[in-house]
PDB file of all heavy atoms in Angstrom:
ATOM      1  N   ILE A   1      37.298 -63.325 -23.621  1.00  0.00           N
ATOM      2  CA  ILE A   1      36.368 -62.387 -22.943  1.00  0.00           C
ATOM      3  C   ILE A   1      35.692 -61.490 -23.976  1.00  0.00           C
ATOM      4  O   ILE A   1      34.510 -61.199 -23.884  1.00  0.00           O
ATOM      5  CB  ILE A   1      37.115 -61.588 -21.859  1.00  0.00           C
ATOM      6  CG1 ILE A   1      37.431 -62.526 -20.698  1.00  0.00           C
ATOM      7  CG2 ILE A   1      36.268 -60.403 -21.379  1.00  0.00           C
ATOM      8  CD1 ILE A   1      38.275 -61.940 -19.619  1.00  0.00           C
ATOM      9  N   LYS A   2      36.467 -61.095 -24.987  1.00  0.00           N
ATOM     10  CA  LYS A   2      35.907 -60.274 -26.060  1.00  0.00           C
ATOM     11  C   LYS A   2      34.748 -61.023 -26.730  1.00  0.00           C
ATOM     12  O   LYS A   2      33.717 -60.433 -27.076  1.00  0.00           O
ATOM     13  CB  LYS A   2      37.007 -59.946 -27.058  1.00  0.00           C
ATOM     14  CG  LYS A   2      36.745 -58.691 -27.871  1.00  0.00           C
ATOM     15  CD  LYS A   2      38.016 -58.194 -28.551  1.00  0.00           C
ATOM     16  CE  LYS A   2      38.209 -58.930 -29.869  1.00  0.00           C
ATOM     17  NZ  LYS A   2      39.529 -58.722 -30.475  1.00  0.00           N
ATOM     18  N   GLN A   3      34.892 -62.308 -26.882  1.00  0.00           N
ATOM     19  CA  GLN A   3      33.875 -63.117 -27.566  1.00  0.00           C
ATOM     20  C   GLN A   3      32.634 -63.358 -26.721  1.00  0.00           C
ATOM     21  O   GLN A   3      31.523 -63.218 -27.235  1.00  0.00           O
ATOM     22  CB  GLN A   3      34.451 -64.474 -27.984  1.00  0.00           C
ATOM     23  CG  GLN A   3      35.409 -64.399 -29.143  1.00  0.00           C
ATOM     24  CD  GLN A   3      35.895 -65.763 -29.572  1.00  0.00           C
ATOM     25  OE1 GLN A   3      35.250 -66.781 -29.317  1.00  0.00           O
ATOM     26  NE2 GLN A   3      37.033 -65.812 -30.213  1.00  0.00           N
ATOM     27  N   VAL A   4      32.805 -63.775 -25.501  1.00  0.00           N
ATOM     28  CA  VAL A   4      31.636 -64.255 -24.725  1.00  0.00           C
ATOM     29  C   VAL A   4      31.351 -63.437 -23.465  1.00  0.00           C
ATOM     30  O   VAL A   4      30.331 -63.658 -22.808  1.00  0.00           O
ATOM     31  CB  VAL A   4      31.737 -65.752 -24.361  1.00  0.00           C
ATOM     32  CG1 VAL A   4      31.694 -66.597 -25.617  1.00  0.00           C
ATOM     33  CG2 VAL A   4      32.994 -66.031 -23.562  1.00  0.00           C
ATOM     34  N   GLY A   5      32.247 -62.533 -23.121  1.00  0.00           N
ATOM     35  CA  GLY A   5      31.983 -61.665 -21.975  1.00  0.00           C
ATOM     36  C   GLY A   5      32.032 -62.410 -20.658  1.00  0.00           C
ATOM     37  O   GLY A   5      32.590 -63.497 -20.551  1.00  0.00           O
ATOM     38  N   ASN A   6      31.396 -61.814 -19.675  1.00  0.00           N
ATOM     39  CA  ASN A   6      31.422 -62.367 -18.326  1.00  0.00           C
ATOM     40  C   ASN A   6      30.309 -63.380 -18.129  1.00  0.00           C
ATOM     41  O   ASN A   6      29.311 -63.344 -18.829  1.00  0.00           O
ATOM     42  CB  ASN A   6      31.322 -61.263 -17.311  1.00  0.00           C
ATOM     43  CG  ASN A   6      32.664 -61.041 -16.675  1.00  0.00           C
ATOM     44  OD1 ASN A   6      33.632 -61.712 -17.045  1.00  0.00           O
ATOM     45  ND2 ASN A   6      32.737 -60.149 -15.739  1.00  0.00           N
ATOM     46  N   PRO A   7      30.483 -64.273 -17.165  1.00  0.00           N
ATOM     47  CA  PRO A   7      29.514 -65.357 -17.011  1.00  0.00           C
ATOM     48  C   PRO A   7      28.074 -64.907 -16.837  1.00  0.00           C
ATOM     49  O   PRO A   7      27.789 -63.973 -16.113  1.00  0.00           O
ATOM     50  CB  PRO A   7      30.008 -66.087 -15.755  1.00  0.00           C
ATOM     51  CG  PRO A   7      31.460 -65.863 -15.781  1.00  0.00           C
ATOM     52  CD  PRO A   7      31.633 -64.463 -16.296  1.00  0.00           C
ATOM     53  N   LYS A   8      27.225 -65.620 -17.556  1.00  0.00           N
ATOM     54  CA  LYS A   8      25.778 -65.519 -17.308  1.00  0.00           C
ATOM     55  C   LYS A   8      25.381 -66.897 -16.781  1.00  0.00           C
ATOM     56  O   LYS A   8      25.686 -67.907 -17.405  1.00  0.00           O
ATOM     57  CB  LYS A   8      25.042 -65.200 -18.602  1.00  0.00           C
ATOM     58  CG  LYS A   8      25.416 -63.829 -19.129  1.00  0.00           C
ATOM     59  CD  LYS A   8      24.731 -63.488 -20.445  1.00  0.00           C
ATOM     60  CE  LYS A   8      25.250 -62.169 -21.041  1.00  0.00           C
ATOM     61  NZ  LYS A   8      26.733 -62.011 -20.984  1.00  0.00           N
ATOM     62  N   LEU A   9      24.746 -66.887 -15.615  1.00  0.00           N
ATOM     63  CA  LEU A   9      24.378 -68.157 -14.978  1.00  0.00           C
ATOM     64  C   LEU A   9      22.871 -68.339 -15.084  1.00  0.00           C
ATOM     65  O   LEU A   9      22.125 -67.372 -15.106  1.00  0.00           O
ATOM     66  CB  LEU A   9      24.788 -68.133 -13.503  1.00  0.00           C
ATOM     67  CG  LEU A   9      26.232 -67.700 -13.198  1.00  0.00           C
ATOM     68  CD1 LEU A   9      26.464 -67.652 -11.680  1.00  0.00           C
ATOM     69  CD2 LEU A   9      27.250 -68.627 -13.821  1.00  0.00           C
ATOM     70  N   ASP A  10      22.438 -69.607 -15.146  1.00  0.00           N
ATOM     71  CA  ASP A  10      20.990 -69.836 -15.122  1.00  0.00           C
ATOM     72  C   ASP A  10      20.524 -69.894 -13.669  1.00  0.00           C
ATOM     73  O   ASP A  10      21.302 -69.682 -12.752  1.00  0.00           O
ATOM     74  CB  ASP A  10      20.615 -71.104 -15.903  1.00  0.00           C
ATOM     75  CG  ASP A  10      21.101 -72.379 -15.199  1.00  0.00           C
ATOM     76  OD1 ASP A  10      21.599 -72.302 -14.063  1.00  0.00           O
ATOM     77  OD2 ASP A  10      20.941 -73.451 -15.827  1.00  0.00           O
ATOM     78  N   GLU A  11      19.232 -70.190 -13.488  1.00  0.00           N
ATOM     79  CA  GLU A  11      18.675 -70.135 -12.124  1.00  0.00           C
ATOM     80  C   GLU A  11      19.319 -71.151 -11.178  1.00  0.00           C
ATOM     81  O   GLU A  11      19.254 -71.008  -9.960  1.00  0.00           O
ATOM     82  CB  GLU A  11      17.142 -70.302 -12.139  1.00  0.00           C
ATOM     83  CG  GLU A  11      16.617 -71.585 -12.768  1.00  0.00           C
ATOM     84  CD  GLU A  11      16.696 -71.616 -14.316  1.00  0.00           C
ATOM     85  OE1 GLU A  11      17.108 -70.600 -14.909  1.00  0.00           O
ATOM     86  OE2 GLU A  11      16.377 -72.662 -14.901  1.00  0.00           O
ATOM     87  N   ASN A  12      19.998 -72.167 -11.729  1.00  0.00           N
ATOM     88  CA  ASN A  12      20.662 -73.141 -10.866  1.00  0.00           C
ATOM     89  C   ASN A  12      22.147 -72.826 -10.673  1.00  0.00           C
ATOM     90  O   ASN A  12      22.908 -73.635 -10.141  1.00  0.00           O
ATOM     91  CB  ASN A  12      20.532 -74.553 -11.450  1.00  0.00           C
ATOM     92  CG  ASN A  12      19.087 -74.917 -11.719  1.00  0.00           C
ATOM     93  OD1 ASN A  12      18.227 -74.643 -10.877  1.00  0.00           O
ATOM     94  ND2 ASN A  12      18.811 -75.478 -12.878  1.00  0.00           N
ATOM     95  N   GLY A  13      22.569 -71.663 -11.155  1.00  0.00           N
ATOM     96  CA  GLY A  13      23.969 -71.298 -11.004  1.00  0.00           C
ATOM     97  C   GLY A  13      24.883 -71.996 -11.987  1.00  0.00           C
ATOM     98  O   GLY A  13      26.099 -72.004 -11.831  1.00  0.00           O
ATOM     99  N   ILE A  14      24.313 -72.585 -13.042  1.00  0.00           N
ATOM    100  CA  ILE A  14      25.127 -73.213 -14.079  1.00  0.00           C
ATOM    101  C   ILE A  14      25.487 -72.173 -15.134  1.00  0.00           C
ATOM    102  O   ILE A  14      24.633 -71.411 -15.579  1.00  0.00           O
ATOM    103  CB  ILE A  14      24.333 -74.363 -14.785  1.00  0.00           C
ATOM    104  CG1 ILE A  14      23.765 -75.368 -13.772  1.00  0.00           C
ATOM    105  CG2 ILE A  14      25.170 -75.025 -15.869  1.00  0.00           C
ATOM    106  CD1 ILE A  14      24.771 -76.291 -13.156  1.00  0.00           C
ATOM    107  N   MET A  15      26.771 -72.153 -15.497  1.00  0.00           N
ATOM    108  CA  MET A  15      27.207 -71.155 -16.454  1.00  0.00           C
ATOM    109  C   MET A  15      26.690 -71.474 -17.863  1.00  0.00           C
ATOM    110  O   MET A  15      26.885 -72.547 -18.384  1.00  0.00           O
ATOM    111  CB  MET A  15      28.729 -71.084 -16.466  1.00  0.00           C
ATOM    112  CG  MET A  15      29.241 -69.746 -16.979  1.00  0.00           C
ATOM    113  SD  MET A  15      31.055 -69.675 -17.102  1.00  0.00           S
ATOM    114  CE  MET A  15      31.546 -69.781 -15.408  1.00  0.00           C
ATOM    115  N   LYS A  16      26.048 -70.466 -18.464  1.00  0.00           N
ATOM    116  CA  LYS A  16      25.482 -70.619 -19.793  1.00  0.00           C
ATOM    117  C   LYS A  16      26.370 -69.958 -20.842  1.00  0.00           C
ATOM    118  O   LYS A  16      26.372 -70.295 -22.015  1.00  0.00           O
ATOM    119  CB  LYS A  16      24.083 -69.958 -19.860  1.00  0.00           C
ATOM    120  CG  LYS A  16      23.026 -70.713 -19.094  1.00  0.00           C
ATOM    121  CD  LYS A  16      22.686 -72.008 -19.789  1.00  0.00           C
ATOM    122  CE  LYS A  16      21.672 -72.852 -19.058  1.00  0.00           C
ATOM    123  NZ  LYS A  16      21.968 -74.289 -19.234  1.00  0.00           N
ATOM    124  N   LYS A  17      27.074 -68.925 -20.391  1.00  0.00           N
ATOM    125  CA  LYS A  17      27.905 -68.174 -21.318  1.00  0.00           C
ATOM    126  C   LYS A  17      28.956 -67.439 -20.493  1.00  0.00           C
ATOM    127  O   LYS A  17      28.707 -67.060 -19.360  1.00  0.00           O
ATOM    128  CB  LYS A  17      27.038 -67.159 -22.066  1.00  0.00           C
ATOM    129  CG  LYS A  17      27.650 -66.634 -23.354  1.00  0.00           C
ATOM    130  CD  LYS A  17      26.630 -65.807 -24.114  1.00  0.00           C
ATOM    131  CE  LYS A  17      27.285 -65.062 -25.259  1.00  0.00           C
ATOM    132  NZ  LYS A  17      27.636 -65.848 -26.427  1.00  0.00           N
ATOM    133  N   GLY A  18      30.134 -67.251 -21.066  1.00  0.00           N
ATOM    134  CA  GLY A  18      31.135 -66.450 -20.389  1.00  0.00           C
ATOM    135  C   GLY A  18      32.469 -67.157 -20.204  1.00  0.00           C
ATOM    136  O   GLY A  18      32.680 -68.242 -20.736  1.00  0.00           O
ATOM    137  N   VAL A  19      33.318 -66.498 -19.451  1.00  0.00           N
ATOM    138  CA  VAL A  19      34.683 -67.010 -19.193  1.00  0.00           C
ATOM    139  C   VAL A  19      34.883 -67.189 -17.706  1.00  0.00           C
ATOM    140  O   VAL A  19      34.511 -66.319 -16.921  1.00  0.00           O
ATOM    141  CB  VAL A  19      35.763 -65.995 -19.715  1.00  0.00           C
ATOM    142  CG1 VAL A  19      37.162 -66.488 -19.374  1.00  0.00           C
ATOM    143  CG2 VAL A  19      35.615 -65.766 -21.196  1.00  0.00           C
ATOM    144  N   MET A  20      35.431 -68.326 -17.316  1.00  0.00           N
ATOM    145  CA  MET A  20      35.908 -68.476 -15.948  1.00  0.00           C
ATOM    146  C   MET A  20      37.380 -68.865 -16.010  1.00  0.00           C
ATOM    147  O   MET A  20      37.747 -69.867 -16.603  1.00  0.00           O
ATOM    148  CB  MET A  20      35.134 -69.534 -15.164  1.00  0.00           C
ATOM    149  CG  MET A  20      35.812 -69.729 -13.815  1.00  0.00           C
ATOM    150  SD  MET A  20      34.748 -70.244 -12.461  1.00  0.00           S
ATOM    151  CE  MET A  20      34.062 -71.722 -12.973  1.00  0.00           C
ATOM    152  N   VAL A  21      38.232 -68.038 -15.419  1.00  0.00           N
ATOM    153  CA  VAL A  21      39.657 -68.311 -15.415  1.00  0.00           C
ATOM    154  C   VAL A  21      40.004 -69.164 -14.221  1.00  0.00           C
ATOM    155  O   VAL A  21      39.590 -68.884 -13.098  1.00  0.00           O
ATOM    156  CB  VAL A  21      40.477 -66.978 -15.329  1.00  0.00           C
ATOM    157  CG1 VAL A  21      41.975 -67.270 -15.365  1.00  0.00           C
ATOM    158  CG2 VAL A  21      40.097 -66.037 -16.465  1.00  0.00           C
ATOM    159  N   ARG A  22      40.720 -70.250 -14.484  1.00  0.00           N
ATOM    160  CA  ARG A  22      41.121 -71.149 -13.388  1.00  0.00           C
ATOM    161  C   ARG A  22      42.606 -70.981 -13.101  1.00  0.00           C
ATOM    162  O   ARG A  22      43.385 -70.748 -14.016  1.00  0.00           O
ATOM    163  CB  ARG A  22      40.832 -72.608 -13.765  1.00  0.00           C
ATOM    164  CG  ARG A  22      39.356 -72.893 -13.914  1.00  0.00           C
ATOM    165  CD  ARG A  22      39.104 -74.236 -14.499  1.00  0.00           C
ATOM    166  NE  ARG A  22      39.810 -74.392 -15.778  1.00  0.00           N
ATOM    167  CZ  ARG A  22      39.621 -75.385 -16.636  1.00  0.00           C
ATOM    168  NH1 ARG A  22      38.742 -76.327 -16.343  1.00  0.00           N
ATOM    169  NH2 ARG A  22      40.288 -75.475 -17.760  1.00  0.00           N
ATOM    170  N   HIS A  23      42.944 -71.088 -11.855  1.00  0.00           N
ATOM    171  CA  HIS A  23      44.371 -71.018 -11.495  1.00  0.00           C
ATOM    172  C   HIS A  23      44.667 -71.996 -10.359  1.00  0.00           C
ATOM    173  O   HIS A  23      44.018 -71.976  -9.326  1.00  0.00           O
ATOM    174  CB  HIS A  23      44.770 -69.614 -11.083  1.00  0.00           C
ATOM    175  CG  HIS A  23      46.189 -69.553 -10.582  1.00  0.00           C
ATOM    176  ND1 HIS A  23      47.274 -69.716 -11.425  1.00  0.00           N
ATOM    177  CD2 HIS A  23      46.699 -69.432  -9.328  1.00  0.00           C
ATOM    178  CE1 HIS A  23      48.386 -69.689 -10.697  1.00  0.00           C
ATOM    179  NE2 HIS A  23      48.061 -69.518  -9.431  1.00  0.00           N
ATOM    180  N   LEU A  24      45.635 -72.860 -10.616  1.00  0.00           N
ATOM    181  CA  LEU A  24      46.044 -73.837  -9.620  1.00  0.00           C
ATOM    182  C   LEU A  24      47.265 -73.293  -8.885  1.00  0.00           C
ATOM    183  O   LEU A  24      48.285 -72.989  -9.497  1.00  0.00           O
ATOM    184  CB  LEU A  24      46.397 -75.158 -10.304  1.00  0.00           C
ATOM    185  CG  LEU A  24      46.907 -76.299  -9.413  1.00  0.00           C
ATOM    186  CD1 LEU A  24      45.828 -76.727  -8.398  1.00  0.00           C
ATOM    187  CD2 LEU A  24      47.318 -77.487 -10.255  1.00  0.00           C
ATOM    188  N   VAL A  25      47.135 -73.150  -7.572  1.00  0.00           N
ATOM    189  CA  VAL A  25      48.257 -72.635  -6.766  1.00  0.00           C
ATOM    190  C   VAL A  25      49.278 -73.747  -6.557  1.00  0.00           C
ATOM    191  O   VAL A  25      48.942 -74.836  -6.075  1.00  0.00           O
ATOM    192  CB  VAL A  25      47.768 -72.110  -5.402  1.00  0.00           C
ATOM    193  CG1 VAL A  25      48.924 -71.562  -4.583  1.00  0.00           C
ATOM    194  CG2 VAL A  25      46.684 -71.040  -5.595  1.00  0.00           C
ATOM    195  N   LEU A  26      50.527 -73.476  -6.931  1.00  0.00           N
ATOM    196  CA  LEU A  26      51.588 -74.479  -6.772  1.00  0.00           C
ATOM    197  C   LEU A  26      52.357 -74.235  -5.486  1.00  0.00           C
ATOM    198  O   LEU A  26      52.636 -73.091  -5.136  1.00  0.00           O
ATOM    199  CB  LEU A  26      52.558 -74.419  -7.949  1.00  0.00           C
ATOM    200  CG  LEU A  26      51.988 -74.779  -9.318  1.00  0.00           C
ATOM    201  CD1 LEU A  26      53.021 -74.511 -10.407  1.00  0.00           C
ATOM    202  CD2 LEU A  26      51.560 -76.247  -9.367  1.00  0.00           C
ATOM    203  N   PRO A  27      52.732 -75.293  -4.788  1.00  0.00           N
ATOM    204  CA  PRO A  27      53.553 -75.129  -3.581  1.00  0.00           C
ATOM    205  C   PRO A  27      54.865 -74.450  -3.947  1.00  0.00           C
ATOM    206  O   PRO A  27      55.387 -74.671  -5.042  1.00  0.00           O
ATOM    207  CB  PRO A  27      53.801 -76.573  -3.110  1.00  0.00           C
ATOM    208  CG  PRO A  27      53.549 -77.421  -4.296  1.00  0.00           C
ATOM    209  CD  PRO A  27      52.523 -76.706  -5.110  1.00  0.00           C
ATOM    210  N   ASN A  28      55.372 -73.617  -3.077  1.00  0.00           N
ATOM    211  CA  ASN A  28      56.644 -72.900  -3.279  1.00  0.00           C
ATOM    212  C   ASN A  28      56.581 -71.772  -4.305  1.00  0.00           C
ATOM    213  O   ASN A  28      57.552 -71.054  -4.477  1.00  0.00           O
ATOM    214  CB  ASN A  28      57.792 -73.852  -3.710  1.00  0.00           C
ATOM    215  CG  ASN A  28      58.220 -74.742  -2.571  1.00  0.00           C
ATOM    216  OD1 ASN A  28      58.485 -74.265  -1.473  1.00  0.00           O
ATOM    217  ND2 ASN A  28      58.273 -76.046  -2.809  1.00  0.00           N
ATOM    218  N   TYR A  29      55.447 -71.632  -4.960  1.00  0.00           N
ATOM    219  CA  TYR A  29      55.392 -70.583  -5.996  1.00  0.00           C
ATOM    220  C   TYR A  29      54.234 -69.627  -5.735  1.00  0.00           C
ATOM    221  O   TYR A  29      53.472 -69.275  -6.634  1.00  0.00           O
ATOM    222  CB  TYR A  29      55.278 -71.208  -7.388  1.00  0.00           C
ATOM    223  CG  TYR A  29      56.510 -71.989  -7.758  1.00  0.00           C
ATOM    224  CD1 TYR A  29      56.468 -73.372  -7.886  1.00  0.00           C
ATOM    225  CD2 TYR A  29      57.734 -71.336  -7.958  1.00  0.00           C
ATOM    226  CE1 TYR A  29      57.610 -74.090  -8.215  1.00  0.00           C
ATOM    227  CE2 TYR A  29      58.867 -72.065  -8.271  1.00  0.00           C
ATOM    228  CZ  TYR A  29      58.806 -73.435  -8.395  1.00  0.00           C
ATOM    229  OH  TYR A  29      59.934 -74.139  -8.709  1.00  0.00           O
ATOM    230  N   ILE A  30      54.125 -69.202  -4.484  1.00  0.00           N
ATOM    231  CA  ILE A  30      53.045 -68.303  -4.088  1.00  0.00           C
ATOM    232  C   ILE A  30      53.152 -66.973  -4.834  1.00  0.00           C
ATOM    233  O   ILE A  30      52.150 -66.383  -5.230  1.00  0.00           O
ATOM    234  CB  ILE A  30      53.049 -68.110  -2.555  1.00  0.00           C
ATOM    235  CG1 ILE A  30      52.816 -69.465  -1.868  1.00  0.00           C
ATOM    236  CG2 ILE A  30      51.999 -67.112  -2.102  1.00  0.00           C
ATOM    237  CD1 ILE A  30      51.614 -70.256  -2.360  1.00  0.00           C
ATOM    238  N   GLU A  31      54.393 -66.513  -5.050  1.00  0.00           N
ATOM    239  CA  GLU A  31      54.560 -65.242  -5.778  1.00  0.00           C
ATOM    240  C   GLU A  31      54.010 -65.349  -7.211  1.00  0.00           C
ATOM    241  O   GLU A  31      53.424 -64.410  -7.722  1.00  0.00           O
ATOM    242  CB  GLU A  31      56.030 -64.814  -5.805  1.00  0.00           C
ATOM    243  CG  GLU A  31      56.542 -64.320  -4.453  1.00  0.00           C
ATOM    244  CD  GLU A  31      55.608 -63.306  -3.785  1.00  0.00           C
ATOM    245  OE1 GLU A  31      55.245 -62.279  -4.425  1.00  0.00           O
ATOM    246  OE2 GLU A  31      55.220 -63.531  -2.612  1.00  0.00           O
ATOM    247  N   ASN A  32      54.232 -66.494  -7.823  1.00  0.00           N
ATOM    248  CA  ASN A  32      53.685 -66.711  -9.166  1.00  0.00           C
ATOM    249  C   ASN A  32      52.157 -66.560  -9.138  1.00  0.00           C
ATOM    250  O   ASN A  32      51.578 -65.869  -9.978  1.00  0.00           O
ATOM    251  CB  ASN A  32      54.051 -68.117  -9.668  1.00  0.00           C
ATOM    252  CG  ASN A  32      53.385 -68.474 -10.992  1.00  0.00           C
ATOM    253  OD1 ASN A  32      53.594 -67.822 -12.011  1.00  0.00           O
ATOM    254  ND2 ASN A  32      52.539 -69.492 -10.973  1.00  0.00           N
ATOM    255  N   SER A  33      51.523 -67.182  -8.162  1.00  0.00           N
ATOM    256  CA  SER A  33      50.063 -67.089  -8.034  1.00  0.00           C
ATOM    257  C   SER A  33      49.602 -65.644  -7.814  1.00  0.00           C
ATOM    258  O   SER A  33      48.626 -65.200  -8.397  1.00  0.00           O
ATOM    259  CB  SER A  33      49.548 -67.986  -6.914  1.00  0.00           C
ATOM    260  OG  SER A  33      49.712 -69.341  -7.305  1.00  0.00           O
ATOM    261  N   LYS A  34      50.333 -64.951  -6.972  1.00  0.00           N
ATOM    262  CA  LYS A  34      49.960 -63.561  -6.697  1.00  0.00           C
ATOM    263  C   LYS A  34      50.049 -62.716  -7.954  1.00  0.00           C
ATOM    264  O   LYS A  34      49.176 -61.886  -8.225  1.00  0.00           O
ATOM    265  CB  LYS A  34      50.877 -62.962  -5.605  1.00  0.00           C
ATOM    266  CG  LYS A  34      50.548 -63.493  -4.208  1.00  0.00           C
ATOM    267  CD  LYS A  34      51.430 -62.779  -3.204  1.00  0.00           C
ATOM    268  CE  LYS A  34      51.078 -63.162  -1.776  1.00  0.00           C
ATOM    269  NZ  LYS A  34      51.927 -62.469  -0.801  1.00  0.00           N
ATOM    270  N   LYS A  35      51.084 -62.971  -8.751  1.00  0.00           N
ATOM    271  CA  LYS A  35      51.241 -62.206 -10.001  1.00  0.00           C
ATOM    272  C   LYS A  35      50.102 -62.523 -10.965  1.00  0.00           C
ATOM    273  O   LYS A  35      49.601 -61.634 -11.651  1.00  0.00           O
ATOM    274  CB  LYS A  35      52.590 -62.521 -10.664  1.00  0.00           C
ATOM    275  CG  LYS A  35      53.737 -61.793  -9.994  1.00  0.00           C
ATOM    276  CD  LYS A  35      55.053 -62.068 -10.734  1.00  0.00           C
ATOM    277  CE  LYS A  35      56.204 -61.435  -9.971  1.00  0.00           C
ATOM    278  NZ  LYS A  35      57.505 -61.970 -10.396  1.00  0.00           N
ATOM    279  N   VAL A  36      49.719 -63.790 -11.024  1.00  0.00           N
ATOM    280  CA  VAL A  36      48.597 -64.183 -11.893  1.00  0.00           C
ATOM    281  C   VAL A  36      47.325 -63.451 -11.448  1.00  0.00           C
ATOM    282  O   VAL A  36      46.630 -62.836 -12.273  1.00  0.00           O
ATOM    283  CB  VAL A  36      48.367 -65.722 -11.847  1.00  0.00           C
ATOM    284  CG1 VAL A  36      47.020 -66.090 -12.455  1.00  0.00           C
ATOM    285  CG2 VAL A  36      49.497 -66.457 -12.575  1.00  0.00           C
ATOM    286  N   LEU A  37      47.049 -63.490 -10.172  1.00  0.00           N
ATOM    287  CA  LEU A  37      45.819 -62.871  -9.653  1.00  0.00           C
ATOM    288  C   LEU A  37      45.853 -61.360  -9.837  1.00  0.00           C
ATOM    289  O   LEU A  37      44.843 -60.741 -10.174  1.00  0.00           O
ATOM    290  CB  LEU A  37      45.630 -63.237  -8.163  1.00  0.00           C
ATOM    291  CG  LEU A  37      45.394 -64.738  -7.915  1.00  0.00           C
ATOM    292  CD1 LEU A  37      45.467 -65.043  -6.435  1.00  0.00           C
ATOM    293  CD2 LEU A  37      44.061 -65.188  -8.509  1.00  0.00           C
ATOM    294  N   LYS A  38      47.008 -60.780  -9.645  1.00  0.00           N
ATOM    295  CA  LYS A  38      47.146 -59.334  -9.821  1.00  0.00           C
ATOM    296  C   LYS A  38      46.883 -58.968 -11.285  1.00  0.00           C
ATOM    297  O   LYS A  38      46.149 -58.012 -11.566  1.00  0.00           O
ATOM    298  CB  LYS A  38      48.540 -58.895  -9.394  1.00  0.00           C
ATOM    299  CG  LYS A  38      48.718 -57.383  -9.276  1.00  0.00           C
ATOM    300  CD  LYS A  38      50.047 -57.088  -8.577  1.00  0.00           C
ATOM    301  CE  LYS A  38      50.497 -55.646  -8.710  1.00  0.00           C
ATOM    302  NZ  LYS A  38      49.515 -54.645  -8.285  1.00  0.00           N
TER     303      LYS A  38
END
């Protein structure tokens, strides 16, 4: 994030610069996901 900051999208909504954090929710580990999001 320090390097590229938050997403800048072009007119088609395609990301040109920035960070997008992905998180896959695992079954049985909802608390883990909540902690990640928090």
